[in-house]
C-alpha cells in the first residue's frame, strides 16, 4: 500500500481555523485544526488514512456551519437538519453532526419551545392557540409544545396582560371604539372570541378609570 509522509503542516492565511497538509513536500489537502490536531510532521498516511481525515473534515465543516446557524438564533431539530441537508452534506454527515449537537445540548426542541413562548409572551403576547400553531410550523413535537404551554397562565390572564400593554394606544377612544379596536387586536393575537368577550367590559372600565385619574391629576397641577 502506497504510504506518504507528512512533510509540512501550515496554518492557512485566510482561515486561522484550518491548516494545509503537505505530503512528500507537496500540498495535499486542507483540514480543520480540530481534525489535524493529532497529526505531526513525519507521520505516514496511506489512502485509507487520507480518506478518513477528509471525511472527518467534512463532518467538522458541517458542525461549524451548524454552530454558525445557532449563533444567529436557536433552531429546532427539523430546522437544523433541513439547513444542513440544504448545504449538500450527505445524510451520514448530517446524522453525525446532529448527534454531536444533541450530546452537547445545543439542540433541544422542548427548550426551544419554552424560549419561543417566553420571548413571544414578553415582546409580542398572543394566545396559546397561535403559539401552538407557530411551533407546529417549526416542526416541534406536540408533547414538547404542550409541556412549554403548561407554564403559561390561564388564557383569561394572558388576555388581560396583552390588552393592558396595548390599551395605552387607545387613550382617546370612547367605549365602542375602545372595545372594537381592542377586540380586533386580541383576535389577531390568536385569542378566541369566547375568551375575549368576558373581559372586554372589565378592561374598558379599568382603562376609563385610569384615564379619569390621569385627567384629574392634570387638572390639579
N, C-alpha and C. Protein backbone atom coordinates (compact mmCIF):
# COMPACT_ATOMS: atom_id res chain seq x y z
N UNK A 1 0.87 -1.21 0.00
CA UNK A 1 0.00 0.00 0.00
C UNK A 1 0.89 1.24 0.00
N UNK A 2 0.61 2.18 -0.87
CA UNK A 2 1.41 3.39 -1.00
C UNK A 2 1.22 4.29 0.21
N UNK A 3 2.28 4.62 0.90
CA UNK A 3 2.23 5.48 2.07
C UNK A 3 3.06 6.73 1.80
N UNK A 4 2.53 7.86 2.28
CA UNK A 4 3.19 9.14 2.06
C UNK A 4 3.48 9.78 3.40
N UNK A 5 4.51 10.58 3.46
CA UNK A 5 4.95 11.17 4.72
C UNK A 5 4.51 12.63 4.79
N UNK A 6 4.04 13.04 5.98
CA UNK A 6 3.69 14.44 6.20
C UNK A 6 4.98 15.24 6.35
N UNK A 7 5.20 16.17 5.43
CA UNK A 7 6.42 16.98 5.46
C UNK A 7 6.16 18.42 5.89
N UNK A 8 4.88 18.77 6.04
CA UNK A 8 4.58 20.13 6.48
C UNK A 8 3.14 20.28 6.92
N UNK A 9 2.94 21.10 7.96
CA UNK A 9 1.59 21.45 8.44
C UNK A 9 1.60 22.95 8.68
N UNK A 10 0.89 23.70 7.85
CA UNK A 10 0.93 25.16 7.92
C UNK A 10 -0.47 25.74 8.08
N UNK A 11 -0.60 26.73 8.93
CA UNK A 11 -1.89 27.41 9.11
C UNK A 11 -2.25 28.16 7.84
N UNK A 12 -3.50 28.07 7.46
CA UNK A 12 -3.95 28.80 6.27
C UNK A 12 -4.01 30.30 6.56
N UNK A 13 -3.66 31.10 5.58
CA UNK A 13 -3.62 32.54 5.76
C UNK A 13 -5.03 33.14 5.86
N UNK A 14 -5.96 32.61 5.11
CA UNK A 14 -7.30 33.19 5.07
C UNK A 14 -8.25 32.59 6.12
N UNK A 15 -7.87 31.46 6.69
CA UNK A 15 -8.74 30.83 7.69
C UNK A 15 -7.87 30.29 8.83
N UNK A 16 -7.84 31.00 9.95
CA UNK A 16 -6.98 30.58 11.07
C UNK A 16 -7.41 29.29 11.72
N UNK A 17 -8.59 28.77 11.36
CA UNK A 17 -9.08 27.53 11.95
C UNK A 17 -8.69 26.30 11.12
N UNK A 18 -8.00 26.52 10.00
CA UNK A 18 -7.63 25.41 9.12
C UNK A 18 -6.13 25.41 8.86
N UNK A 19 -5.62 24.24 8.50
CA UNK A 19 -4.20 24.10 8.16
C UNK A 19 -4.08 23.40 6.82
N UNK A 20 -2.97 23.63 6.15
CA UNK A 20 -2.64 22.92 4.92
C UNK A 20 -1.69 21.77 5.26
N UNK A 21 -1.97 20.62 4.68
CA UNK A 21 -1.16 19.43 4.90
C UNK A 21 -0.32 19.17 3.65
N UNK A 22 0.99 19.01 3.85
CA UNK A 22 1.91 18.71 2.74
C UNK A 22 2.40 17.27 2.89
N UNK A 23 2.29 16.52 1.81
CA UNK A 23 2.76 15.14 1.77
C UNK A 23 3.89 15.04 0.74
N UNK A 24 5.01 14.51 1.17
CA UNK A 24 6.18 14.38 0.28
C UNK A 24 6.52 15.72 -0.36
N UNK A 25 6.47 16.77 0.48
CA UNK A 25 6.85 18.14 0.07
C UNK A 25 5.90 18.77 -0.94
N UNK A 26 4.70 18.22 -1.07
CA UNK A 26 3.71 18.80 -1.97
C UNK A 26 2.40 19.02 -1.20
N UNK A 27 1.71 20.15 -1.53
CA UNK A 27 0.40 20.39 -0.88
C UNK A 27 -0.54 19.26 -1.24
N UNK A 28 -1.23 18.73 -0.21
CA UNK A 28 -2.13 17.60 -0.43
C UNK A 28 -3.59 17.98 -0.20
N UNK A 29 -3.89 18.59 0.96
CA UNK A 29 -5.28 18.95 1.28
C UNK A 29 -5.27 19.85 2.52
N UNK A 30 -6.43 20.46 2.76
CA UNK A 30 -6.61 21.27 3.95
C UNK A 30 -7.49 20.57 4.95
N UNK A 31 -7.26 20.87 6.23
CA UNK A 31 -8.05 20.29 7.30
C UNK A 31 -8.34 21.33 8.37
N UNK A 32 -9.47 21.16 9.06
CA UNK A 32 -9.70 21.94 10.26
C UNK A 32 -8.67 21.53 11.32
N UNK A 33 -8.27 22.49 12.13
CA UNK A 33 -7.30 22.20 13.18
C UNK A 33 -7.79 21.11 14.13
N UNK A 34 -9.13 21.11 14.37
CA UNK A 34 -9.69 20.10 15.26
C UNK A 34 -9.50 18.69 14.72
N UNK A 35 -9.41 18.57 13.39
CA UNK A 35 -9.20 17.27 12.76
C UNK A 35 -7.71 16.94 12.68
N UNK A 36 -6.90 17.96 12.45
CA UNK A 36 -5.47 17.76 12.24
C UNK A 36 -4.65 17.79 13.53
N UNK A 37 -5.31 17.99 14.66
CA UNK A 37 -4.57 18.23 15.92
C UNK A 37 -3.67 17.06 16.32
N UNK A 38 -3.96 15.83 15.86
CA UNK A 38 -3.16 14.67 16.24
C UNK A 38 -2.07 14.35 15.21
N UNK A 39 -2.04 15.12 14.13
CA UNK A 39 -1.04 14.89 13.10
C UNK A 39 0.24 15.65 13.41
N UNK A 40 1.36 15.12 12.93
CA UNK A 40 2.65 15.80 13.09
C UNK A 40 3.54 15.46 11.92
N UNK A 41 4.50 16.33 11.68
CA UNK A 41 5.45 16.09 10.61
C UNK A 41 6.17 14.77 10.87
N UNK A 42 6.25 13.97 9.82
CA UNK A 42 6.88 12.66 9.94
C UNK A 42 5.89 11.52 9.96
N UNK A 43 4.61 11.81 10.23
CA UNK A 43 3.59 10.75 10.21
C UNK A 43 3.43 10.22 8.80
N UNK A 44 3.11 8.94 8.71
CA UNK A 44 2.88 8.30 7.42
C UNK A 44 1.38 8.09 7.21
N UNK A 45 0.92 8.39 6.03
CA UNK A 45 -0.50 8.25 5.69
C UNK A 45 -0.67 7.43 4.43
N UNK A 46 -1.62 6.50 4.45
CA UNK A 46 -1.98 5.82 3.22
C UNK A 46 -3.32 6.37 2.73
N UNK A 47 -3.81 5.84 1.64
CA UNK A 47 -5.05 6.38 1.04
C UNK A 47 -6.24 6.23 1.98
N UNK A 48 -6.27 5.15 2.74
CA UNK A 48 -7.35 4.94 3.69
C UNK A 48 -7.31 5.99 4.80
N UNK A 49 -6.12 6.31 5.27
CA UNK A 49 -5.96 7.34 6.30
C UNK A 49 -6.42 8.71 5.78
N UNK A 50 -6.03 9.00 4.55
CA UNK A 50 -6.38 10.29 3.95
C UNK A 50 -7.89 10.40 3.79
N UNK A 51 -8.51 9.33 3.32
CA UNK A 51 -9.97 9.34 3.15
C UNK A 51 -10.67 9.55 4.49
N UNK A 52 -10.19 8.91 5.54
CA UNK A 52 -10.79 9.07 6.86
C UNK A 52 -10.66 10.51 7.35
N UNK A 53 -9.49 11.13 7.12
CA UNK A 53 -9.28 12.52 7.52
C UNK A 53 -10.22 13.46 6.77
N UNK A 54 -10.38 13.22 5.48
CA UNK A 54 -11.25 14.07 4.68
C UNK A 54 -12.71 13.93 5.10
N UNK A 55 -13.12 12.73 5.48
CA UNK A 55 -14.48 12.53 5.97
C UNK A 55 -14.69 13.26 7.30
N UNK A 56 -13.70 13.17 8.18
CA UNK A 56 -13.79 13.89 9.45
C UNK A 56 -13.82 15.41 9.21
N UNK A 57 -13.06 15.85 8.22
CA UNK A 57 -13.03 17.29 7.91
C UNK A 57 -14.38 17.75 7.39
N UNK A 58 -15.03 16.93 6.58
CA UNK A 58 -16.37 17.27 6.08
C UNK A 58 -17.35 17.37 7.23
N UNK A 59 -17.26 16.43 8.17
CA UNK A 59 -18.14 16.47 9.35
C UNK A 59 -17.86 17.72 10.18
N UNK A 60 -16.60 18.05 10.34
CA UNK A 60 -16.25 19.25 11.10
C UNK A 60 -16.75 20.51 10.38
N UNK A 61 -16.68 20.53 9.07
CA UNK A 61 -17.19 21.65 8.30
C UNK A 61 -18.69 21.83 8.53
N UNK A 62 -19.42 20.72 8.48
CA UNK A 62 -20.87 20.76 8.73
C UNK A 62 -21.16 21.21 10.16
N UNK A 63 -20.37 20.74 11.10
CA UNK A 63 -20.55 21.12 12.50
C UNK A 63 -20.32 22.61 12.70
N UNK A 64 -19.31 23.17 12.05
CA UNK A 64 -19.04 24.60 12.16
C UNK A 64 -20.17 25.43 11.55
N UNK A 65 -20.73 24.93 10.46
CA UNK A 65 -21.88 25.63 9.86
C UNK A 65 -23.08 25.59 10.81
N UNK A 66 -23.27 24.46 11.49
CA UNK A 66 -24.37 24.35 12.45
C UNK A 66 -24.18 25.33 13.60
N UNK A 67 -22.96 25.44 14.10
CA UNK A 67 -22.69 26.38 15.19
C UNK A 67 -22.94 27.83 14.74
N UNK A 68 -22.60 28.12 13.50
CA UNK A 68 -22.83 29.46 12.98
C UNK A 68 -24.34 29.76 12.91
N UNK A 69 -25.11 28.77 12.47
CA UNK A 69 -26.57 28.95 12.43
C UNK A 69 -27.12 29.19 13.83
N UNK A 70 -26.61 28.45 14.81
CA UNK A 70 -27.08 28.61 16.19
C UNK A 70 -26.65 29.94 16.79
N UNK A 71 -25.59 30.54 16.26
CA UNK A 71 -25.14 31.84 16.78
C UNK A 71 -26.12 32.95 16.43
N UNK A 72 -26.91 32.72 15.37
CA UNK A 72 -27.91 33.72 14.97
C UNK A 72 -29.16 33.62 15.84
N UNK A 73 -29.61 32.39 16.06
CA UNK A 73 -30.79 32.15 16.90
C UNK A 73 -30.92 30.65 17.16
N UNK A 74 -31.66 30.24 18.19
CA UNK A 74 -31.88 28.81 18.42
C UNK A 74 -32.61 28.17 17.23
N UNK A 75 -32.39 26.88 17.06
CA UNK A 75 -33.02 26.14 15.96
C UNK A 75 -33.68 24.88 16.50
N UNK A 76 -34.74 24.47 15.83
CA UNK A 76 -35.32 23.18 16.14
C UNK A 76 -34.52 22.09 15.43
N UNK A 77 -34.76 20.85 15.83
CA UNK A 77 -34.09 19.72 15.17
C UNK A 77 -34.40 19.72 13.68
N UNK A 78 -35.65 19.93 13.34
CA UNK A 78 -36.06 19.93 11.94
C UNK A 78 -35.37 21.05 11.16
N UNK A 79 -35.34 22.26 11.73
CA UNK A 79 -34.71 23.39 11.05
C UNK A 79 -33.23 23.11 10.78
N UNK A 80 -32.54 22.60 11.80
CA UNK A 80 -31.10 22.35 11.64
C UNK A 80 -30.84 21.27 10.60
N UNK A 81 -31.58 20.18 10.69
CA UNK A 81 -31.37 19.09 9.74
C UNK A 81 -31.65 19.57 8.31
N UNK A 82 -32.72 20.35 8.14
CA UNK A 82 -33.08 20.85 6.81
C UNK A 82 -32.00 21.77 6.25
N UNK A 83 -31.45 22.64 7.10
CA UNK A 83 -30.41 23.55 6.63
C UNK A 83 -29.13 22.81 6.25
N UNK A 84 -28.73 21.85 7.06
CA UNK A 84 -27.52 21.10 6.75
C UNK A 84 -27.68 20.29 5.46
N UNK A 85 -28.84 19.68 5.30
CA UNK A 85 -29.10 18.95 4.05
C UNK A 85 -29.10 19.90 2.86
N UNK A 86 -29.57 21.13 3.10
CA UNK A 86 -29.59 22.13 2.04
C UNK A 86 -28.20 22.55 1.60
N UNK A 87 -27.22 22.42 2.48
CA UNK A 87 -25.82 22.72 2.12
C UNK A 87 -25.21 21.61 1.25
N UNK A 88 -25.91 20.49 1.13
CA UNK A 88 -25.43 19.41 0.28
C UNK A 88 -24.67 18.32 1.00
N UNK A 89 -24.69 18.33 2.33
CA UNK A 89 -24.00 17.27 3.07
C UNK A 89 -24.76 15.95 2.97
N UNK A 90 -24.00 14.86 2.97
CA UNK A 90 -24.61 13.54 2.92
C UNK A 90 -25.39 13.27 4.20
N UNK A 91 -26.35 12.35 4.12
CA UNK A 91 -27.18 12.01 5.27
C UNK A 91 -26.33 11.53 6.44
N UNK A 92 -25.30 10.75 6.15
CA UNK A 92 -24.44 10.24 7.22
C UNK A 92 -23.72 11.37 7.94
N UNK A 93 -23.31 12.39 7.20
CA UNK A 93 -22.64 13.55 7.80
C UNK A 93 -23.61 14.33 8.67
N UNK A 94 -24.82 14.55 8.15
CA UNK A 94 -25.84 15.28 8.90
C UNK A 94 -26.18 14.54 10.19
N UNK A 95 -26.34 13.23 10.09
CA UNK A 95 -26.65 12.43 11.28
C UNK A 95 -25.55 12.55 12.33
N UNK A 96 -24.30 12.53 11.88
CA UNK A 96 -23.18 12.65 12.82
C UNK A 96 -23.17 14.00 13.51
N UNK A 97 -23.43 15.05 12.76
CA UNK A 97 -23.45 16.40 13.35
C UNK A 97 -24.63 16.57 14.30
N UNK A 98 -25.78 16.05 13.91
CA UNK A 98 -26.94 16.15 14.79
C UNK A 98 -26.67 15.45 16.12
N UNK A 99 -26.00 14.30 16.06
CA UNK A 99 -25.66 13.57 17.29
C UNK A 99 -24.73 14.40 18.17
N UNK A 100 -23.78 15.10 17.56
CA UNK A 100 -22.86 15.96 18.31
C UNK A 100 -23.61 17.12 18.97
N UNK A 101 -24.54 17.70 18.24
CA UNK A 101 -25.31 18.83 18.77
C UNK A 101 -26.21 18.41 19.92
N UNK A 102 -26.80 17.24 19.79
CA UNK A 102 -27.64 16.72 20.88
C UNK A 102 -26.80 16.42 22.12
N UNK A 103 -25.65 15.82 21.90
CA UNK A 103 -24.78 15.44 23.02
C UNK A 103 -24.34 16.67 23.82
N UNK A 104 -24.09 17.76 23.13
CA UNK A 104 -23.64 18.99 23.79
C UNK A 104 -24.80 19.85 24.29
N UNK A 105 -26.04 19.42 24.01
CA UNK A 105 -27.19 20.16 24.46
C UNK A 105 -27.50 21.40 23.64
N UNK A 106 -26.96 21.46 22.43
CA UNK A 106 -27.19 22.63 21.57
C UNK A 106 -28.54 22.57 20.85
N UNK A 107 -29.12 21.38 20.78
CA UNK A 107 -30.44 21.20 20.17
C UNK A 107 -31.36 20.56 21.20
N UNK A 108 -32.49 21.21 21.43
CA UNK A 108 -33.46 20.69 22.38
C UNK A 108 -34.80 21.33 22.06
N UNK A 109 -35.69 20.57 21.43
CA UNK A 109 -36.94 21.14 20.95
C UNK A 109 -37.83 21.64 22.09
N UNK A 110 -37.80 20.97 23.23
CA UNK A 110 -38.63 21.45 24.34
C UNK A 110 -38.10 22.78 24.85
N UNK A 111 -36.78 22.89 24.97
CA UNK A 111 -36.19 24.16 25.40
C UNK A 111 -36.46 25.25 24.37
N UNK A 112 -36.39 24.88 23.09
CA UNK A 112 -36.71 25.84 22.03
C UNK A 112 -38.13 26.36 22.20
N UNK A 113 -39.08 25.45 22.43
CA UNK A 113 -40.48 25.85 22.60
C UNK A 113 -40.65 26.76 23.81
N UNK A 114 -39.98 26.45 24.90
CA UNK A 114 -40.09 27.27 26.11
C UNK A 114 -39.55 28.68 25.86
N UNK A 115 -38.40 28.75 25.20
CA UNK A 115 -37.80 30.06 24.92
C UNK A 115 -38.62 30.85 23.91
N UNK A 116 -39.18 30.15 22.93
CA UNK A 116 -40.03 30.80 21.92
C UNK A 116 -41.24 31.44 22.61
N UNK A 117 -41.89 30.67 23.47
CA UNK A 117 -43.08 31.15 24.16
C UNK A 117 -42.73 32.29 25.11
N UNK A 118 -41.63 32.17 25.82
CA UNK A 118 -41.21 33.23 26.74
C UNK A 118 -40.95 34.53 25.99
N UNK A 119 -40.26 34.42 24.86
CA UNK A 119 -39.97 35.61 24.06
C UNK A 119 -41.24 36.24 23.51
N UNK A 120 -42.14 35.41 22.99
CA UNK A 120 -43.39 35.92 22.46
C UNK A 120 -44.22 36.60 23.57
N UNK A 121 -44.30 35.96 24.71
CA UNK A 121 -45.10 36.48 25.81
C UNK A 121 -44.55 37.81 26.31
N UNK A 122 -43.24 37.97 26.26
CA UNK A 122 -42.61 39.21 26.73
C UNK A 122 -42.77 40.34 25.73
N UNK A 123 -42.54 40.05 24.46
CA UNK A 123 -42.46 41.13 23.47
C UNK A 123 -43.66 41.21 22.52
N UNK A 124 -44.28 40.09 22.20
CA UNK A 124 -45.44 40.10 21.31
C UNK A 124 -46.46 39.08 21.82
N UNK A 125 -47.13 39.41 22.90
CA UNK A 125 -48.06 38.44 23.53
C UNK A 125 -49.12 37.93 22.56
N UNK A 126 -49.48 36.68 22.74
CA UNK A 126 -50.50 36.07 21.89
C UNK A 126 -51.09 34.86 22.60
N UNK A 127 -52.19 34.37 22.09
CA UNK A 127 -52.89 33.26 22.72
C UNK A 127 -52.19 31.93 22.53
N UNK A 128 -52.58 30.98 23.36
CA UNK A 128 -51.95 29.66 23.30
C UNK A 128 -52.18 28.98 21.96
N UNK A 129 -53.36 29.19 21.38
CA UNK A 129 -53.67 28.56 20.09
C UNK A 129 -52.69 29.02 19.01
N UNK A 130 -52.41 30.33 18.95
CA UNK A 130 -51.50 30.84 17.94
C UNK A 130 -50.06 30.42 18.24
N UNK A 131 -49.69 30.40 19.51
CA UNK A 131 -48.35 29.94 19.88
C UNK A 131 -48.15 28.49 19.44
N UNK A 132 -49.16 27.68 19.65
CA UNK A 132 -49.08 26.28 19.26
C UNK A 132 -48.90 26.14 17.75
N UNK A 133 -49.67 26.93 16.98
CA UNK A 133 -49.55 26.87 15.52
C UNK A 133 -48.16 27.31 15.05
N UNK A 134 -47.61 28.32 15.70
CA UNK A 134 -46.27 28.77 15.33
C UNK A 134 -45.24 27.67 15.56
N UNK A 135 -45.35 26.97 16.67
CA UNK A 135 -44.39 25.91 16.98
C UNK A 135 -44.60 24.68 16.09
N UNK A 136 -45.84 24.43 15.71
CA UNK A 136 -46.10 23.34 14.77
C UNK A 136 -45.39 23.63 13.44
N UNK A 137 -45.43 24.88 13.00
CA UNK A 137 -44.74 25.26 11.76
C UNK A 137 -43.24 25.07 11.87
N UNK A 138 -42.73 25.12 13.10
CA UNK A 138 -41.31 24.87 13.33
C UNK A 138 -41.02 23.37 13.47
N UNK A 139 -42.07 22.56 13.34
CA UNK A 139 -41.97 21.10 13.45
C UNK A 139 -41.56 20.64 14.84
N UNK A 140 -41.98 21.39 15.84
CA UNK A 140 -41.79 20.96 17.23
C UNK A 140 -42.88 19.93 17.54
N UNK A 141 -42.53 18.88 18.25
CA UNK A 141 -43.48 17.83 18.57
C UNK A 141 -44.56 18.30 19.54
N UNK A 142 -45.73 17.66 19.46
CA UNK A 142 -46.87 18.07 20.28
C UNK A 142 -46.56 17.96 21.77
N UNK A 143 -45.86 16.93 22.16
CA UNK A 143 -45.55 16.76 23.59
C UNK A 143 -44.69 17.91 24.11
N UNK A 144 -43.70 18.32 23.32
CA UNK A 144 -42.84 19.45 23.71
C UNK A 144 -43.63 20.75 23.74
N UNK A 145 -44.55 20.91 22.79
CA UNK A 145 -45.38 22.13 22.75
C UNK A 145 -46.25 22.21 23.99
N UNK A 146 -46.94 21.12 24.31
CA UNK A 146 -47.85 21.13 25.45
C UNK A 146 -47.10 21.34 26.76
N UNK A 147 -45.91 20.78 26.87
CA UNK A 147 -45.10 20.97 28.06
C UNK A 147 -44.73 22.44 28.24
N UNK A 148 -44.36 23.09 27.14
CA UNK A 148 -43.98 24.51 27.20
C UNK A 148 -45.20 25.40 27.48
N UNK A 149 -46.34 25.09 26.87
CA UNK A 149 -47.55 25.89 27.08
C UNK A 149 -48.07 25.77 28.51
N UNK A 150 -47.78 24.65 29.16
CA UNK A 150 -48.29 24.43 30.52
C UNK A 150 -47.77 25.47 31.51
N UNK A 151 -46.65 26.11 31.19
CA UNK A 151 -46.07 27.10 32.10
C UNK A 151 -46.78 28.45 32.02
N UNK A 152 -47.61 28.65 30.99
CA UNK A 152 -48.30 29.92 30.82
C UNK A 152 -49.49 30.03 31.77
N UNK A 153 -49.87 31.26 32.13
CA UNK A 153 -51.09 31.43 32.92
C UNK A 153 -52.33 31.09 32.10
N UNK A 154 -53.49 31.12 32.73
CA UNK A 154 -54.74 30.84 32.02
C UNK A 154 -54.96 31.86 30.91
N UNK A 155 -55.73 31.46 29.91
CA UNK A 155 -55.96 32.31 28.73
C UNK A 155 -56.54 33.67 29.12
N UNK A 156 -57.44 33.69 30.09
CA UNK A 156 -58.05 34.95 30.50
C UNK A 156 -57.00 35.91 31.05
N UNK A 157 -56.05 35.39 31.81
CA UNK A 157 -54.99 36.22 32.35
C UNK A 157 -54.07 36.72 31.24
N UNK A 158 -53.80 35.86 30.25
CA UNK A 158 -52.99 36.28 29.11
C UNK A 158 -53.67 37.42 28.36
N UNK A 159 -54.99 37.32 28.22
CA UNK A 159 -55.74 38.38 27.53
C UNK A 159 -55.60 39.69 28.29
N UNK A 160 -55.76 39.65 29.59
CA UNK A 160 -55.64 40.87 30.40
C UNK A 160 -54.27 41.50 30.23
N UNK A 161 -53.22 40.68 30.35
CA UNK A 161 -51.87 41.21 30.26
C UNK A 161 -51.58 41.79 28.89
N UNK A 162 -52.04 41.10 27.84
CA UNK A 162 -51.83 41.58 26.47
C UNK A 162 -52.61 42.87 26.22
N UNK A 163 -53.85 42.91 26.69
CA UNK A 163 -54.71 44.06 26.47
C UNK A 163 -54.18 45.30 27.20
N UNK A 164 -53.67 45.12 28.39
CA UNK A 164 -53.16 46.26 29.16
C UNK A 164 -51.98 46.92 28.46
N UNK A 165 -51.14 46.13 27.82
CA UNK A 165 -50.00 46.70 27.11
C UNK A 165 -50.45 47.50 25.89
N UNK A 166 -51.53 47.04 25.27
CA UNK A 166 -52.00 47.68 24.05
C UNK A 166 -52.92 48.86 24.31
N UNK A 167 -53.66 48.81 25.41
CA UNK A 167 -54.72 49.80 25.64
C UNK A 167 -54.21 51.22 25.79
N UNK A 168 -52.92 51.40 26.12
CA UNK A 168 -52.38 52.76 26.23
C UNK A 168 -52.46 53.50 24.90
N UNK A 169 -52.52 52.77 23.80
CA UNK A 169 -52.63 53.38 22.48
C UNK A 169 -54.05 53.85 22.17
N UNK A 170 -55.01 53.46 23.00
CA UNK A 170 -56.42 53.73 22.73
C UNK A 170 -56.98 54.81 23.65
N UNK A 171 -56.12 55.67 24.09
CA UNK A 171 -56.46 56.63 25.14
C UNK A 171 -57.68 57.49 24.84
N UNK A 172 -57.82 57.99 23.64
CA UNK A 172 -58.86 58.98 23.33
C UNK A 172 -60.12 58.37 22.72
N UNK A 173 -60.27 57.08 22.76
CA UNK A 173 -61.44 56.44 22.17
C UNK A 173 -62.58 56.32 23.18
N UNK A 174 -63.82 56.35 22.64
CA UNK A 174 -64.96 56.09 23.51
C UNK A 174 -65.09 54.58 23.73
N UNK A 175 -66.13 54.18 24.47
CA UNK A 175 -66.23 52.78 24.84
C UNK A 175 -66.36 51.87 23.62
N UNK A 176 -67.23 52.25 22.67
CA UNK A 176 -67.41 51.39 21.50
C UNK A 176 -66.13 51.28 20.69
N UNK A 177 -65.47 52.42 20.47
CA UNK A 177 -64.22 52.42 19.70
C UNK A 177 -63.12 51.63 20.41
N UNK A 178 -63.06 51.81 21.73
CA UNK A 178 -62.05 51.10 22.52
C UNK A 178 -62.24 49.59 22.41
N UNK A 179 -63.47 49.13 22.62
CA UNK A 179 -63.73 47.70 22.59
C UNK A 179 -63.50 47.11 21.20
N UNK A 180 -63.89 47.85 20.16
CA UNK A 180 -63.73 47.36 18.79
C UNK A 180 -62.25 47.20 18.44
N UNK A 181 -61.46 48.23 18.75
CA UNK A 181 -60.04 48.18 18.44
C UNK A 181 -59.33 47.10 19.26
N UNK A 182 -59.67 47.04 20.53
CA UNK A 182 -59.02 46.07 21.39
C UNK A 182 -59.39 44.64 21.00
N UNK A 183 -60.66 44.44 20.67
CA UNK A 183 -61.11 43.12 20.25
C UNK A 183 -60.37 42.68 18.99
N UNK A 184 -60.27 43.58 18.01
CA UNK A 184 -59.58 43.24 16.77
C UNK A 184 -58.12 42.89 17.01
N UNK A 185 -57.48 43.64 17.89
CA UNK A 185 -56.08 43.37 18.22
C UNK A 185 -55.92 41.99 18.86
N UNK A 186 -56.79 41.68 19.81
CA UNK A 186 -56.69 40.42 20.53
C UNK A 186 -56.97 39.22 19.63
N UNK A 187 -57.91 39.38 18.70
CA UNK A 187 -58.21 38.31 17.75
C UNK A 187 -56.97 38.04 16.87
N UNK A 188 -56.32 39.12 16.42
CA UNK A 188 -55.12 38.95 15.60
C UNK A 188 -53.99 38.28 16.38
N UNK A 189 -54.03 38.40 17.68
CA UNK A 189 -53.03 37.75 18.52
C UNK A 189 -53.39 36.30 18.84
N UNK A 190 -54.45 35.81 18.24
CA UNK A 190 -54.78 34.41 18.38
C UNK A 190 -55.73 34.05 19.51
N UNK A 191 -56.30 35.07 20.17
CA UNK A 191 -57.26 34.78 21.24
C UNK A 191 -58.65 34.56 20.63
N UNK A 192 -59.42 33.71 21.27
CA UNK A 192 -60.75 33.37 20.77
C UNK A 192 -61.82 34.31 21.31
N UNK A 193 -62.89 34.49 20.52
CA UNK A 193 -63.98 35.39 20.89
C UNK A 193 -64.54 35.07 22.26
N UNK A 194 -64.77 33.78 22.51
CA UNK A 194 -65.40 33.41 23.78
C UNK A 194 -64.50 33.69 24.98
N UNK A 195 -63.19 33.79 24.74
CA UNK A 195 -62.27 34.13 25.83
C UNK A 195 -62.13 35.64 25.99
N UNK A 196 -62.26 36.36 24.89
CA UNK A 196 -62.10 37.82 24.93
C UNK A 196 -63.32 38.50 25.52
N UNK A 197 -64.51 38.09 25.07
CA UNK A 197 -65.75 38.78 25.41
C UNK A 197 -65.95 39.02 26.90
N UNK A 198 -65.70 38.03 27.79
CA UNK A 198 -65.97 38.26 29.21
C UNK A 198 -65.13 39.35 29.86
N UNK A 199 -63.97 39.67 29.25
CA UNK A 199 -63.09 40.65 29.91
C UNK A 199 -63.10 42.02 29.25
N UNK A 200 -63.80 42.19 28.12
CA UNK A 200 -63.78 43.48 27.42
C UNK A 200 -64.33 44.61 28.29
N UNK A 201 -65.50 44.39 28.91
CA UNK A 201 -66.09 45.42 29.76
C UNK A 201 -65.19 45.73 30.94
N UNK A 202 -64.63 44.71 31.54
CA UNK A 202 -63.71 44.90 32.67
C UNK A 202 -62.51 45.75 32.24
N UNK A 203 -61.97 45.47 31.07
CA UNK A 203 -60.81 46.21 30.58
C UNK A 203 -61.18 47.65 30.25
N UNK A 204 -62.37 47.85 29.70
CA UNK A 204 -62.82 49.21 29.42
C UNK A 204 -62.96 50.00 30.71
N UNK A 205 -63.57 49.43 31.71
CA UNK A 205 -63.76 50.12 32.98
C UNK A 205 -62.42 50.46 33.63
N UNK A 206 -61.50 49.56 33.54
CA UNK A 206 -60.16 49.82 34.08
C UNK A 206 -59.48 50.93 33.31
N UNK A 207 -59.60 50.88 31.98
CA UNK A 207 -58.99 51.90 31.12
C UNK A 207 -59.61 53.27 31.39
N UNK A 208 -60.94 53.32 31.49
CA UNK A 208 -61.63 54.58 31.73
C UNK A 208 -61.25 55.16 33.10
N UNK A 209 -61.13 54.30 34.09
CA UNK A 209 -60.75 54.77 35.43
C UNK A 209 -59.34 55.36 35.44
N UNK A 210 -58.43 54.72 34.77
CA UNK A 210 -57.06 55.21 34.71
C UNK A 210 -57.00 56.55 33.98
N UNK A 211 -57.79 56.67 32.90
CA UNK A 211 -57.82 57.94 32.16
C UNK A 211 -58.40 59.05 33.01
N UNK A 212 -59.46 58.73 33.77
CA UNK A 212 -60.08 59.72 34.64
C UNK A 212 -59.11 60.19 35.72
N UNK A 213 -58.39 59.27 36.30
CA UNK A 213 -57.42 59.62 37.34
C UNK A 213 -56.30 60.47 36.77
N UNK A 214 -55.87 60.16 35.56
CA UNK A 214 -54.80 60.92 34.92
C UNK A 214 -55.27 62.33 34.61
N UNK A 215 -56.52 62.47 34.09
CA UNK A 215 -57.05 63.80 33.80
C UNK A 215 -57.22 64.63 35.06
N UNK A 216 -57.62 64.01 36.13
CA UNK A 216 -57.79 64.72 37.41
C UNK A 216 -56.47 65.27 37.91
N UNK A 217 -55.42 64.47 37.76
CA UNK A 217 -54.10 64.94 38.16
C UNK A 217 -53.67 66.13 37.35
N UNK A 218 -53.91 66.05 36.04
CA UNK A 218 -53.51 67.15 35.16
C UNK A 218 -54.26 68.42 35.48
N UNK A 219 -55.54 68.31 35.82
CA UNK A 219 -56.35 69.48 36.14
C UNK A 219 -55.90 70.15 37.44
N UNK A 220 -55.35 69.36 38.35
CA UNK A 220 -54.94 69.89 39.64
C UNK A 220 -53.51 70.42 39.66
N UNK A 221 -52.82 70.26 38.55
CA UNK A 221 -51.44 70.76 38.52
C UNK A 221 -51.40 72.28 38.33
